[in-house]
Amino acid sequence: MALFAWSDDLSVGNTFIDEDHKKLVAMVNSFHDAMDQGRGSEVIGKVLRNLVIYTQEHFGREEAEMQRISYPRYSVHKAEHDKLIREVTALQSGFAKGNTMLSVKISIFLRDWLLNHIKQTDQLLAAALN
């Protein structure tokens, strides 16, 4: 069962950002489903690694766009990205060391972070890009 679903209220009105966000929502749900179905640490770890990699790619695309338009909130927005990468890397490390209890924490953390980031920070960026 999906942790959460993409809906139109998550759209920021920018095609590349919305498409990336849809993929991130699907990846968070894939991680949650793998964990919920008890698919084993190797599968769950692989899904988590892929999610982290895609998140970094998405952040890179957003940051390039912010630089292209000389976005005034670039440093604040990038700091949020950097903080998430540090936090998820720490969670990923804990999971890799066998702390499977972190899997639930990771799912909820990623969902909440993504929802808040989309509805607040990325809305401002999309308005500037449009």
C-alpha atoms as a PDB file:
ATOM      1  CA  MET A   1       0.000   0.000   0.000  1.00  0.00           C
ATOM      2  CA  ALA A   2       1.373   3.386  -1.012  1.00  0.00           C
ATOM      3  CA  LEU A   3       2.531   5.718   1.732  1.00  0.00           C
ATOM      4  CA  PHE A   4       1.129   8.711  -0.139  1.00  0.00           C
ATOM      5  CA  ALA A   5      -0.057   9.617  -3.630  1.00  0.00           C
ATOM      6  CA  TRP A   6       0.726  12.334  -6.108  1.00  0.00           C
ATOM      7  CA  SER A   7      -2.122  14.800  -6.418  1.00  0.00           C
ATOM      8  CA  ASP A   8      -2.662  18.027  -8.300  1.00  0.00           C
ATOM      9  CA  ASP A   9      -2.247  20.066  -5.118  1.00  0.00           C
ATOM     10  CA  LEU A  10       1.434  19.002  -5.155  1.00  0.00           C
ATOM     11  CA  SER A  11       1.967  20.445  -8.628  1.00  0.00           C
ATOM     12  CA  VAL A  12       4.155  23.532  -8.690  1.00  0.00           C
ATOM     13  CA  GLY A  13       3.233  24.270 -12.314  1.00  0.00           C
ATOM     14  CA  ASN A  14       6.692  23.586 -13.728  1.00  0.00           C
ATOM     15  CA  THR A  15       6.931  20.510 -15.942  1.00  0.00           C
ATOM     16  CA  PHE A  16      10.435  19.309 -15.085  1.00  0.00           C
ATOM     17  CA  ILE A  17      10.006  19.871 -11.350  1.00  0.00           C
ATOM     18  CA  ASP A  18       6.588  18.202 -11.290  1.00  0.00           C
ATOM     19  CA  GLU A  19       7.842  15.192 -13.267  1.00  0.00           C
ATOM     20  CA  ASP A  20      10.813  14.808 -10.924  1.00  0.00           C
ATOM     21  CA  HIS A  21       8.513  15.079  -7.912  1.00  0.00           C
ATOM     22  CA  LYS A  22       6.153  12.428  -9.327  1.00  0.00           C
ATOM     23  CA  LYS A  23       9.114  10.091  -9.697  1.00  0.00           C
ATOM     24  CA  LEU A  24      10.316  10.873  -6.161  1.00  0.00           C
ATOM     25  CA  VAL A  25       6.837  10.150  -4.754  1.00  0.00           C
ATOM     26  CA  ALA A  26       6.835   6.821  -6.614  1.00  0.00           C
ATOM     27  CA  MET A  27      10.321   5.995  -5.307  1.00  0.00           C
ATOM     28  CA  VAL A  28       9.403   6.823  -1.694  1.00  0.00           C
ATOM     29  CA  ASN A  29       6.350   4.588  -2.117  1.00  0.00           C
ATOM     30  CA  SER A  30       8.509   1.811  -3.601  1.00  0.00           C
ATOM     31  CA  PHE A  31      10.841   2.009  -0.627  1.00  0.00           C
ATOM     32  CA  HIS A  32       7.912   1.949   1.787  1.00  0.00           C
ATOM     33  CA  ASP A  33       6.256  -0.972  -0.022  1.00  0.00           C
ATOM     34  CA  ALA A  34       9.492  -2.996  -0.071  1.00  0.00           C
ATOM     35  CA  MET A  35       9.904  -2.382   3.639  1.00  0.00           C
ATOM     36  CA  ASP A  36       6.220  -3.078   4.372  1.00  0.00           C
ATOM     37  CA  GLN A  37       6.332  -6.363   2.444  1.00  0.00           C
ATOM     38  CA  GLY A  38       9.459  -7.453   4.306  1.00  0.00           C
ATOM     39  CA  ARG A  39      11.380  -7.873   1.088  1.00  0.00           C
ATOM     40  CA  GLY A  40      14.763  -8.188   2.683  1.00  0.00           C
ATOM     41  CA  SER A  41      17.519  -5.751   3.446  1.00  0.00           C
ATOM     42  CA  GLU A  42      19.276  -6.125   0.102  1.00  0.00           C
ATOM     43  CA  VAL A  43      16.204  -5.130  -1.934  1.00  0.00           C
ATOM     44  CA  ILE A  44      15.215  -2.377   0.486  1.00  0.00           C
ATOM     45  CA  GLY A  45      18.784  -1.076   0.533  1.00  0.00           C
ATOM     46  CA  LYS A  46      18.906  -0.985  -3.269  1.00  0.00           C
ATOM     47  CA  VAL A  47      15.616   0.935  -3.479  1.00  0.00           C
ATOM     48  CA  LEU A  48      16.909   3.393  -0.862  1.00  0.00           C
ATOM     49  CA  ARG A  49      20.209   3.876  -2.748  1.00  0.00           C
ATOM     50  CA  ASN A  50      18.333   4.546  -5.991  1.00  0.00           C
ATOM     51  CA  LEU A  51      16.111   7.040  -4.204  1.00  0.00           C
ATOM     52  CA  VAL A  52      19.121   8.885  -2.788  1.00  0.00           C
ATOM     53  CA  ILE A  53      20.818   8.985  -6.204  1.00  0.00           C
ATOM     54  CA  TYR A  54      17.701  10.294  -7.950  1.00  0.00           C
ATOM     55  CA  THR A  55      17.159  12.891  -5.231  1.00  0.00           C
ATOM     56  CA  GLN A  56      20.691  14.183  -5.780  1.00  0.00           C
ATOM     57  CA  GLU A  57      20.084  14.344  -9.540  1.00  0.00           C
ATOM     58  CA  HIS A  58      16.822  16.216  -9.002  1.00  0.00           C
ATOM     59  CA  PHE A  59      18.507  18.683  -6.658  1.00  0.00           C
ATOM     60  CA  GLY A  60      21.231  19.225  -9.247  1.00  0.00           C
ATOM     61  CA  ARG A  61      18.642  20.100 -11.900  1.00  0.00           C
ATOM     62  CA  GLU A  62      16.838  22.491  -9.549  1.00  0.00           C
ATOM     63  CA  GLU A  63      20.081  24.142  -8.471  1.00  0.00           C
ATOM     64  CA  ALA A  64      21.206  24.610 -12.084  1.00  0.00           C
ATOM     65  CA  GLU A  65      17.900  26.332 -12.856  1.00  0.00           C
ATOM     66  CA  MET A  66      18.237  28.545  -9.777  1.00  0.00           C
ATOM     67  CA  GLN A  67      21.705  29.614 -10.892  1.00  0.00           C
ATOM     68  CA  ARG A  68      20.517  30.176 -14.454  1.00  0.00           C
ATOM     69  CA  ILE A  69      17.904  32.702 -13.312  1.00  0.00           C
ATOM     70  CA  SER A  70      20.016  34.139 -10.461  1.00  0.00           C
ATOM     71  CA  TYR A  71      17.386  32.998  -7.979  1.00  0.00           C
ATOM     72  CA  PRO A  72      17.628  35.218  -4.872  1.00  0.00           C
ATOM     73  CA  ARG A  73      16.746  32.358  -2.483  1.00  0.00           C
ATOM     74  CA  TYR A  74      19.362  30.018  -3.973  1.00  0.00           C
ATOM     75  CA  SER A  75      21.506  29.697  -0.853  1.00  0.00           C
ATOM     76  CA  VAL A  76      18.514  28.978   1.418  1.00  0.00           C
ATOM     77  CA  HIS A  77      17.049  26.454  -1.024  1.00  0.00           C
ATOM     78  CA  LYS A  78      20.404  24.739  -1.581  1.00  0.00           C
ATOM     79  CA  ALA A  79      20.963  24.566   2.175  1.00  0.00           C
ATOM     80  CA  GLU A  80      17.687  22.605   2.487  1.00  0.00           C
ATOM     81  CA  HIS A  81      18.889  20.223  -0.220  1.00  0.00           C
ATOM     82  CA  ASP A  82      22.269  19.768   1.456  1.00  0.00           C
ATOM     83  CA  LYS A  83      20.672  19.128   4.845  1.00  0.00           C
ATOM     84  CA  LEU A  84      18.375  16.448   3.431  1.00  0.00           C
ATOM     85  CA  ILE A  85      21.273  14.697   1.688  1.00  0.00           C
ATOM     86  CA  ARG A  86      23.238  14.643   4.963  1.00  0.00           C
ATOM     87  CA  GLU A  87      20.252  13.321   6.918  1.00  0.00           C
ATOM     88  CA  VAL A  88      19.337  10.648   4.383  1.00  0.00           C
ATOM     89  CA  THR A  89      22.952   9.567   4.034  1.00  0.00           C
ATOM     90  CA  ALA A  90      23.098   9.092   7.808  1.00  0.00           C
ATOM     91  CA  LEU A  91      19.834   7.119   7.768  1.00  0.00           C
ATOM     92  CA  GLN A  92      21.078   5.056   4.831  1.00  0.00           C
ATOM     93  CA  SER A  93      24.286   4.296   6.697  1.00  0.00           C
ATOM     94  CA  GLY A  94      22.340   3.177   9.750  1.00  0.00           C
ATOM     95  CA  PHE A  95      20.156   0.961   7.607  1.00  0.00           C
ATOM     96  CA  ALA A  96      23.215  -0.554   5.888  1.00  0.00           C
ATOM     97  CA  LYS A  97      24.617  -1.394   9.329  1.00  0.00           C
ATOM     98  CA  GLY A  98      21.529  -3.477  10.063  1.00  0.00           C
ATOM     99  CA  ASN A  99      19.272  -1.022  11.833  1.00  0.00           C
ATOM    100  CA  THR A 100      16.064  -2.122  10.099  1.00  0.00           C
ATOM    101  CA  MET A 101      13.955  -0.152  12.565  1.00  0.00           C
ATOM    102  CA  LEU A 102      15.121   2.891  10.677  1.00  0.00           C
ATOM    103  CA  SER A 103      13.167   1.808   7.594  1.00  0.00           C
ATOM    104  CA  VAL A 104       9.848   3.071   8.985  1.00  0.00           C
ATOM    105  CA  LYS A 105      11.515   6.261  10.163  1.00  0.00           C
ATOM    106  CA  ILE A 106      13.060   6.762   6.722  1.00  0.00           C
ATOM    107  CA  SER A 107       9.704   6.341   4.921  1.00  0.00           C
ATOM    108  CA  ILE A 108       7.879   8.821   7.140  1.00  0.00           C
ATOM    109  CA  PHE A 109      10.781  11.267   7.129  1.00  0.00           C
ATOM    110  CA  LEU A 110      11.046  11.231   3.312  1.00  0.00           C
ATOM    111  CA  ARG A 111       7.295  11.633   2.832  1.00  0.00           C
ATOM    112  CA  ASP A 112       7.038  14.532   5.266  1.00  0.00           C
ATOM    113  CA  TRP A 113      10.157  16.250   3.951  1.00  0.00           C
ATOM    114  CA  LEU A 114       9.065  15.915   0.328  1.00  0.00           C
ATOM    115  CA  LEU A 115       5.550  17.208   1.004  1.00  0.00           C
ATOM    116  CA  ASN A 116       6.803  20.204   2.986  1.00  0.00           C
ATOM    117  CA  HIS A 117       9.571  21.008   0.509  1.00  0.00           C
ATOM    118  CA  ILE A 118       7.218  20.857  -2.485  1.00  0.00           C
ATOM    119  CA  LYS A 119       4.450  22.903  -0.875  1.00  0.00           C
ATOM    120  CA  GLN A 120       6.746  25.605   0.453  1.00  0.00           C
ATOM    121  CA  THR A 121      10.218  25.937  -1.008  1.00  0.00           C
ATOM    122  CA  ASP A 122       9.602  24.539  -4.493  1.00  0.00           C
ATOM    123  CA  GLN A 123       6.441  26.601  -4.947  1.00  0.00           C
ATOM    124  CA  LEU A 124       8.580  29.738  -4.609  1.00  0.00           C
ATOM    125  CA  LEU A 125      11.140  28.432  -7.090  1.00  0.00           C
ATOM    126  CA  ALA A 126       8.486  27.464  -9.635  1.00  0.00           C
ATOM    127  CA  ALA A 127       6.945  30.937  -9.426  1.00  0.00           C
ATOM    128  CA  ALA A 128      10.350  32.466 -10.135  1.00  0.00           C
ATOM    129  CA  LEU A 129      10.956  30.084 -13.045  1.00  0.00           C
ATOM    130  CA  ASN A 130       7.542  30.847 -14.557  1.00  0.00           C
END
